[in-house]
Amino acid sequence: EVQLVESGGGLVQAGGSLRLSCVVSGFTSNDYAVGWFRQAPGKEREGISCLSISESSTFSADSVKGRFTISSDNAKNTVYLQMNNLKPEDTAVYYCAAEDRSRDILIKTLPYYLKFGMNYWGKGTLVTVSA
């Protein structure tokens, strides 16, 4: 059973930084992708960063490029989202998601995952940025 557990959310002032962590378990190979998504109150879910574990490739949305960085520590089965220069509009529940790429019938790119979502989801962690 695939499980994703996020941590690291909290309250931070504008301009500050936070690092979110997502511990991933249950995949039988490293051919999977992990993404970070967020949903602000009253808004649609937004895909922000995605990483392929096997390829070590990443992709981030324009809205966070230059401020957010996704990375992984494969020995710890953990994917991180380093968030710098946070803004009040970054306030949202942040979700970690993943998908087993070896089971995909069609080849899906990292931007595809950010746009359409992934198969497995964590419960989310709240990030609040005060002005």
N, C-alpha and C. Protein backbone atom coordinates (compact mmCIF):
# COMPACT_ATOMS: atom_id res chain seq x y z
N GLU A 1 0.85 -1.20 0.00
CA GLU A 1 0.00 0.00 0.00
C GLU A 1 0.89 1.25 0.00
N VAL A 2 0.62 2.10 -0.96
CA VAL A 2 1.39 3.35 -1.05
C VAL A 2 0.87 4.34 -0.01
N GLN A 3 1.78 4.93 0.73
CA GLN A 3 1.40 5.95 1.70
C GLN A 3 2.30 7.16 1.54
N LEU A 4 1.71 8.31 1.73
CA LEU A 4 2.42 9.58 1.65
C LEU A 4 2.10 10.38 2.90
N VAL A 5 3.12 10.84 3.59
CA VAL A 5 2.91 11.59 4.82
C VAL A 5 3.67 12.90 4.74
N GLU A 6 2.92 13.99 4.75
CA GLU A 6 3.54 15.32 4.67
C GLU A 6 3.79 15.88 6.07
N SER A 7 4.77 16.74 6.15
CA SER A 7 5.04 17.49 7.38
C SER A 7 5.77 18.77 7.02
N GLY A 8 5.85 19.68 7.98
CA GLY A 8 6.63 20.89 7.79
C GLY A 8 5.83 22.16 7.59
N GLY A 9 4.52 22.04 7.51
CA GLY A 9 3.72 23.24 7.36
C GLY A 9 3.70 24.05 8.63
N GLY A 10 3.16 25.26 8.53
CA GLY A 10 3.07 26.12 9.70
C GLY A 10 2.80 27.55 9.32
N LEU A 11 3.00 28.43 10.29
CA LEU A 11 2.78 29.86 10.10
C LEU A 11 4.13 30.55 9.93
N VAL A 12 4.23 31.37 8.89
CA VAL A 12 5.48 32.08 8.62
C VAL A 12 5.14 33.47 8.11
N GLN A 13 6.02 34.41 8.38
CA GLN A 13 5.82 35.76 7.88
C GLN A 13 6.23 35.85 6.41
N ALA A 14 5.65 36.79 5.72
CA ALA A 14 6.01 37.02 4.32
C ALA A 14 7.52 37.25 4.21
N GLY A 15 8.11 36.65 3.19
CA GLY A 15 9.55 36.72 3.01
C GLY A 15 10.30 35.59 3.67
N GLY A 16 9.63 34.83 4.50
CA GLY A 16 10.26 33.73 5.21
C GLY A 16 10.31 32.46 4.37
N SER A 17 10.80 31.40 5.01
CA SER A 17 10.99 30.12 4.33
C SER A 17 10.41 28.98 5.14
N LEU A 18 10.02 27.94 4.44
CA LEU A 18 9.60 26.69 5.06
C LEU A 18 10.09 25.55 4.17
N ARG A 19 10.32 24.40 4.78
CA ARG A 19 10.62 23.20 4.01
C ARG A 19 9.61 22.12 4.35
N LEU A 20 8.88 21.70 3.34
CA LEU A 20 7.93 20.62 3.50
C LEU A 20 8.61 19.29 3.19
N SER A 21 8.18 18.25 3.89
CA SER A 21 8.70 16.92 3.66
C SER A 21 7.56 15.96 3.34
N CYS A 22 7.85 15.00 2.50
CA CYS A 22 6.87 13.97 2.16
C CYS A 22 7.58 12.62 2.22
N VAL A 23 7.22 11.81 3.19
CA VAL A 23 7.78 10.47 3.29
C VAL A 23 6.92 9.52 2.48
N VAL A 24 7.57 8.85 1.55
CA VAL A 24 6.87 7.96 0.61
C VAL A 24 7.17 6.51 0.95
N SER A 25 6.15 5.67 0.97
CA SER A 25 6.36 4.25 1.22
C SER A 25 5.40 3.44 0.37
N GLY A 26 5.79 2.20 0.08
CA GLY A 26 4.90 1.28 -0.61
C GLY A 26 5.21 1.00 -2.06
N PHE A 27 6.05 1.81 -2.69
CA PHE A 27 6.41 1.53 -4.08
C PHE A 27 7.43 0.40 -4.12
N THR A 28 7.31 -0.47 -5.12
CA THR A 28 8.21 -1.63 -5.21
C THR A 28 9.41 -1.36 -6.11
N SER A 29 9.41 -0.24 -6.81
CA SER A 29 10.57 0.15 -7.59
C SER A 29 10.73 1.66 -7.47
N ASN A 30 11.80 2.19 -8.06
CA ASN A 30 11.99 3.65 -8.00
C ASN A 30 11.44 4.34 -9.24
N ASP A 31 10.63 3.64 -10.02
CA ASP A 31 10.06 4.25 -11.22
C ASP A 31 8.73 4.93 -10.87
N TYR A 32 8.83 5.95 -10.07
CA TYR A 32 7.64 6.69 -9.71
C TYR A 32 7.95 8.18 -9.65
N ALA A 33 6.91 8.96 -9.68
CA ALA A 33 7.03 10.42 -9.62
C ALA A 33 6.30 10.93 -8.39
N VAL A 34 6.80 12.02 -7.86
CA VAL A 34 6.19 12.66 -6.69
C VAL A 34 5.96 14.13 -7.02
N GLY A 35 4.81 14.61 -6.67
CA GLY A 35 4.50 16.01 -6.93
C GLY A 35 3.97 16.72 -5.70
N TRP A 36 4.10 18.03 -5.73
CA TRP A 36 3.50 18.88 -4.69
C TRP A 36 2.40 19.71 -5.33
N PHE A 37 1.28 19.72 -4.66
CA PHE A 37 0.12 20.47 -5.10
C PHE A 37 -0.34 21.34 -3.93
N ARG A 38 -1.13 22.35 -4.24
CA ARG A 38 -1.68 23.16 -3.17
C ARG A 38 -3.09 23.60 -3.53
N GLN A 39 -3.86 23.86 -2.49
CA GLN A 39 -5.21 24.35 -2.69
C GLN A 39 -5.50 25.40 -1.65
N ALA A 40 -5.73 26.61 -2.13
CA ALA A 40 -6.09 27.72 -1.25
C ALA A 40 -7.60 27.75 -1.08
N PRO A 41 -8.09 28.34 0.01
CA PRO A 41 -9.54 28.40 0.23
C PRO A 41 -10.26 29.04 -0.95
N GLY A 42 -11.28 28.37 -1.45
CA GLY A 42 -12.07 28.91 -2.53
C GLY A 42 -11.43 28.84 -3.90
N LYS A 43 -10.28 28.19 -3.98
CA LYS A 43 -9.58 28.11 -5.27
C LYS A 43 -9.39 26.66 -5.71
N GLU A 44 -9.12 26.49 -6.97
CA GLU A 44 -8.86 25.16 -7.49
C GLU A 44 -7.47 24.69 -7.08
N ARG A 45 -7.31 23.39 -7.08
CA ARG A 45 -6.01 22.80 -6.80
C ARG A 45 -4.99 23.24 -7.86
N GLU A 46 -3.79 23.49 -7.42
CA GLU A 46 -2.72 23.92 -8.32
C GLU A 46 -1.53 22.98 -8.17
N GLY A 47 -1.05 22.45 -9.27
CA GLY A 47 0.17 21.65 -9.26
C GLY A 47 1.36 22.57 -9.31
N ILE A 48 2.33 22.39 -8.40
CA ILE A 48 3.42 23.37 -8.34
C ILE A 48 4.79 22.78 -8.67
N SER A 49 5.10 21.58 -8.22
CA SER A 49 6.40 21.00 -8.54
C SER A 49 6.30 19.48 -8.58
N CYS A 50 7.10 18.89 -9.46
CA CYS A 50 7.04 17.44 -9.64
C CYS A 50 8.45 16.91 -9.89
N LEU A 51 8.68 15.68 -9.48
CA LEU A 51 10.01 15.09 -9.58
C LEU A 51 9.89 13.62 -9.96
N SER A 52 10.75 13.19 -10.87
CA SER A 52 10.83 11.77 -11.21
C SER A 52 11.97 11.16 -10.40
N ILE A 53 11.66 10.17 -9.59
CA ILE A 53 12.68 9.56 -8.75
C ILE A 53 13.72 8.83 -9.60
N SER A 54 13.29 8.08 -10.59
CA SER A 54 14.23 7.29 -11.39
C SER A 54 15.07 8.15 -12.32
N GLU A 55 14.50 9.24 -12.83
CA GLU A 55 15.22 10.09 -13.79
C GLU A 55 15.89 11.28 -13.13
N SER A 56 15.53 11.55 -11.88
CA SER A 56 16.05 12.73 -11.18
C SER A 56 15.75 14.02 -11.92
N SER A 57 14.67 14.04 -12.65
CA SER A 57 14.26 15.25 -13.36
C SER A 57 13.16 15.94 -12.57
N THR A 58 13.07 17.26 -12.75
CA THR A 58 12.07 18.05 -12.03
C THR A 58 11.37 19.01 -12.97
N PHE A 59 10.22 19.46 -12.54
CA PHE A 59 9.48 20.48 -13.27
C PHE A 59 8.68 21.28 -12.26
N SER A 60 8.69 22.60 -12.44
CA SER A 60 7.93 23.46 -11.53
C SER A 60 7.08 24.44 -12.32
N ALA A 61 5.96 24.81 -11.73
CA ALA A 61 5.07 25.78 -12.35
C ALA A 61 5.73 27.16 -12.34
N ASP A 62 5.34 27.98 -13.31
CA ASP A 62 5.91 29.32 -13.40
C ASP A 62 5.66 30.14 -12.14
N SER A 63 4.55 29.86 -11.48
CA SER A 63 4.17 30.66 -10.31
C SER A 63 5.14 30.51 -9.14
N VAL A 64 5.94 29.43 -9.15
CA VAL A 64 6.86 29.21 -8.04
C VAL A 64 8.32 29.11 -8.47
N LYS A 65 8.59 29.16 -9.75
CA LYS A 65 9.97 29.06 -10.21
C LYS A 65 10.81 30.18 -9.62
N GLY A 66 11.99 29.80 -9.15
CA GLY A 66 12.88 30.79 -8.54
C GLY A 66 12.66 30.94 -7.05
N ARG A 67 11.55 30.43 -6.53
CA ARG A 67 11.26 30.52 -5.09
C ARG A 67 11.15 29.15 -4.44
N PHE A 68 10.57 28.19 -5.14
CA PHE A 68 10.36 26.84 -4.59
C PHE A 68 11.29 25.86 -5.31
N THR A 69 11.82 24.91 -4.54
CA THR A 69 12.68 23.89 -5.11
C THR A 69 12.26 22.51 -4.60
N ILE A 70 12.06 21.59 -5.52
CA ILE A 70 11.73 20.22 -5.14
C ILE A 70 12.99 19.38 -5.21
N SER A 71 13.14 18.48 -4.24
CA SER A 71 14.31 17.61 -4.22
C SER A 71 13.95 16.32 -3.50
N SER A 72 14.87 15.36 -3.55
CA SER A 72 14.59 14.09 -2.89
C SER A 72 15.83 13.55 -2.21
N ASP A 73 15.60 12.80 -1.16
CA ASP A 73 16.65 12.01 -0.51
C ASP A 73 16.16 10.57 -0.63
N ASN A 74 16.65 9.87 -1.64
CA ASN A 74 16.13 8.54 -1.93
C ASN A 74 16.44 7.55 -0.81
N ALA A 75 17.53 7.75 -0.10
CA ALA A 75 17.87 6.87 1.01
C ALA A 75 16.83 6.96 2.13
N LYS A 76 16.20 8.13 2.23
CA LYS A 76 15.18 8.34 3.26
C LYS A 76 13.76 8.26 2.70
N ASN A 77 13.66 7.95 1.40
CA ASN A 77 12.33 7.90 0.75
C ASN A 77 11.54 9.17 1.02
N THR A 78 12.20 10.28 0.93
CA THR A 78 11.58 11.56 1.27
C THR A 78 11.78 12.56 0.14
N VAL A 79 10.72 13.27 -0.15
CA VAL A 79 10.76 14.35 -1.14
C VAL A 79 10.49 15.65 -0.40
N TYR A 80 11.26 16.65 -0.73
CA TYR A 80 11.17 17.94 -0.05
C TYR A 80 10.66 19.03 -0.98
N LEU A 81 10.06 20.03 -0.40
CA LEU A 81 9.72 21.25 -1.12
C LEU A 81 10.25 22.41 -0.30
N GLN A 82 11.35 22.98 -0.77
CA GLN A 82 11.93 24.14 -0.11
C GLN A 82 11.24 25.38 -0.64
N MET A 83 10.64 26.14 0.24
CA MET A 83 9.88 27.31 -0.17
C MET A 83 10.53 28.56 0.42
N ASN A 84 11.01 29.43 -0.44
CA ASN A 84 11.66 30.66 -0.01
C ASN A 84 10.86 31.87 -0.45
N ASN A 85 11.14 33.00 0.20
CA ASN A 85 10.46 34.26 -0.15
C ASN A 85 8.94 34.05 -0.24
N LEU A 86 8.39 33.48 0.80
CA LEU A 86 6.97 33.18 0.79
C LEU A 86 6.13 34.43 0.80
N LYS A 87 4.99 34.33 0.13
CA LYS A 87 4.06 35.45 0.00
C LYS A 87 2.71 35.05 0.59
N PRO A 88 1.91 36.02 0.99
CA PRO A 88 0.58 35.68 1.53
C PRO A 88 -0.24 34.82 0.57
N GLU A 89 -0.06 35.03 -0.72
CA GLU A 89 -0.82 34.24 -1.70
C GLU A 89 -0.35 32.79 -1.80
N ASP A 90 0.72 32.45 -1.10
CA ASP A 90 1.15 31.05 -1.02
C ASP A 90 0.40 30.28 0.06
N THR A 91 -0.41 30.98 0.83
CA THR A 91 -1.20 30.32 1.86
C THR A 91 -2.14 29.29 1.25
N ALA A 92 -2.03 28.06 1.73
CA ALA A 92 -2.82 26.96 1.16
C ALA A 92 -2.54 25.69 1.95
N VAL A 93 -3.35 24.67 1.68
CA VAL A 93 -3.01 23.32 2.12
C VAL A 93 -2.15 22.71 1.03
N TYR A 94 -1.00 22.22 1.41
CA TYR A 94 -0.07 21.63 0.46
C TYR A 94 -0.15 20.10 0.55
N TYR A 95 -0.30 19.49 -0.60
CA TYR A 95 -0.44 18.04 -0.69
C TYR A 95 0.74 17.44 -1.45
N CYS A 96 1.17 16.30 -0.98
CA CYS A 96 2.13 15.48 -1.69
C CYS A 96 1.35 14.39 -2.42
N ALA A 97 1.74 14.11 -3.64
CA ALA A 97 1.08 13.07 -4.41
C ALA A 97 2.13 12.26 -5.17
N ALA A 98 1.74 11.07 -5.59
CA ALA A 98 2.69 10.22 -6.30
C ALA A 98 1.98 9.30 -7.28
N GLU A 99 2.76 8.81 -8.23
CA GLU A 99 2.21 7.87 -9.20
C GLU A 99 3.30 6.91 -9.64
N ASP A 100 2.91 5.63 -9.77
CA ASP A 100 3.82 4.59 -10.24
C ASP A 100 3.90 4.69 -11.75
N ARG A 101 4.99 5.18 -12.28
CA ARG A 101 5.12 5.40 -13.72
C ARG A 101 5.21 4.09 -14.49
N SER A 102 5.64 3.02 -13.83
CA SER A 102 5.74 1.73 -14.54
C SER A 102 4.36 1.17 -14.86
N ARG A 103 3.32 1.67 -14.18
CA ARG A 103 1.95 1.19 -14.42
C ARG A 103 1.19 2.08 -15.39
N ASP A 104 1.80 3.19 -15.79
CA ASP A 104 1.11 4.10 -16.72
C ASP A 104 1.06 3.47 -18.10
N ILE A 105 -0.12 3.41 -18.68
CA ILE A 105 -0.27 2.88 -20.03
C ILE A 105 0.28 3.87 -21.04
N LEU A 106 -0.04 5.15 -20.81
CA LEU A 106 0.47 6.21 -21.66
C LEU A 106 1.66 6.87 -20.97
N ILE A 107 2.58 7.36 -21.76
CA ILE A 107 3.70 8.08 -21.19
C ILE A 107 3.20 9.44 -20.68
N LYS A 108 3.39 9.69 -19.40
CA LYS A 108 2.94 10.95 -18.81
C LYS A 108 4.16 11.78 -18.41
N THR A 109 4.14 13.02 -18.80
CA THR A 109 5.25 13.90 -18.45
C THR A 109 5.00 14.53 -17.08
N LEU A 110 6.02 15.14 -16.53
CA LEU A 110 5.86 15.81 -15.25
C LEU A 110 4.84 16.95 -15.33
N PRO A 111 4.87 17.77 -16.39
CA PRO A 111 3.81 18.79 -16.50
C PRO A 111 2.41 18.18 -16.55
N TYR A 112 2.28 17.00 -17.15
CA TYR A 112 0.99 16.33 -17.21
C TYR A 112 0.49 16.02 -15.81
N TYR A 113 1.39 15.48 -14.98
CA TYR A 113 0.98 15.18 -13.62
C TYR A 113 0.52 16.44 -12.88
N LEU A 114 1.22 17.53 -13.06
CA LEU A 114 0.83 18.75 -12.36
C LEU A 114 -0.52 19.27 -12.83
N LYS A 115 -0.82 19.03 -14.07
CA LYS A 115 -2.09 19.53 -14.60
C LYS A 115 -3.25 18.61 -14.25
N PHE A 116 -3.03 17.30 -14.29
CA PHE A 116 -4.14 16.36 -14.15
C PHE A 116 -4.13 15.58 -12.84
N GLY A 117 -3.08 15.71 -12.05
CA GLY A 117 -3.05 15.03 -10.77
C GLY A 117 -2.36 13.68 -10.85
N MET A 118 -2.30 13.02 -9.69
CA MET A 118 -1.62 11.76 -9.58
C MET A 118 -2.49 10.76 -8.82
N ASN A 119 -2.05 9.49 -8.75
CA ASN A 119 -2.92 8.45 -8.21
C ASN A 119 -3.01 8.41 -6.69
N TYR A 120 -1.91 8.71 -6.04
CA TYR A 120 -1.87 8.58 -4.58
C TYR A 120 -1.67 9.95 -3.95
N TRP A 121 -2.35 10.18 -2.82
CA TRP A 121 -2.32 11.49 -2.19
C TRP A 121 -2.10 11.39 -0.69
N GLY A 122 -1.38 12.36 -0.17
CA GLY A 122 -1.28 12.51 1.28
C GLY A 122 -2.45 13.33 1.79
N LYS A 123 -2.46 13.55 3.10
CA LYS A 123 -3.58 14.26 3.72
C LYS A 123 -3.39 15.77 3.72
N GLY A 124 -2.19 16.22 3.45
CA GLY A 124 -1.95 17.65 3.34
C GLY A 124 -1.38 18.27 4.60
N THR A 125 -0.72 19.40 4.41
CA THR A 125 -0.19 20.18 5.51
C THR A 125 -0.45 21.66 5.22
N LEU A 126 -0.89 22.38 6.23
CA LEU A 126 -1.31 23.76 6.05
C LEU A 126 -0.11 24.71 6.15
N VAL A 127 -0.01 25.57 5.17
CA VAL A 127 0.99 26.64 5.18
C VAL A 127 0.25 27.96 5.21
N THR A 128 0.55 28.79 6.20
CA THR A 128 -0.07 30.09 6.33
C THR A 128 1.02 31.15 6.32
N VAL A 129 0.91 32.09 5.39
CA VAL A 129 1.90 33.16 5.28
C VAL A 129 1.22 34.47 5.66
N SER A 130 1.71 35.10 6.70
CA SER A 130 1.12 36.36 7.16
C SER A 130 1.83 37.54 6.50
N ALA A 131 1.06 38.60 6.31
CA ALA A 131 1.61 39.78 5.65
C ALA A 131 2.54 40.56 6.57
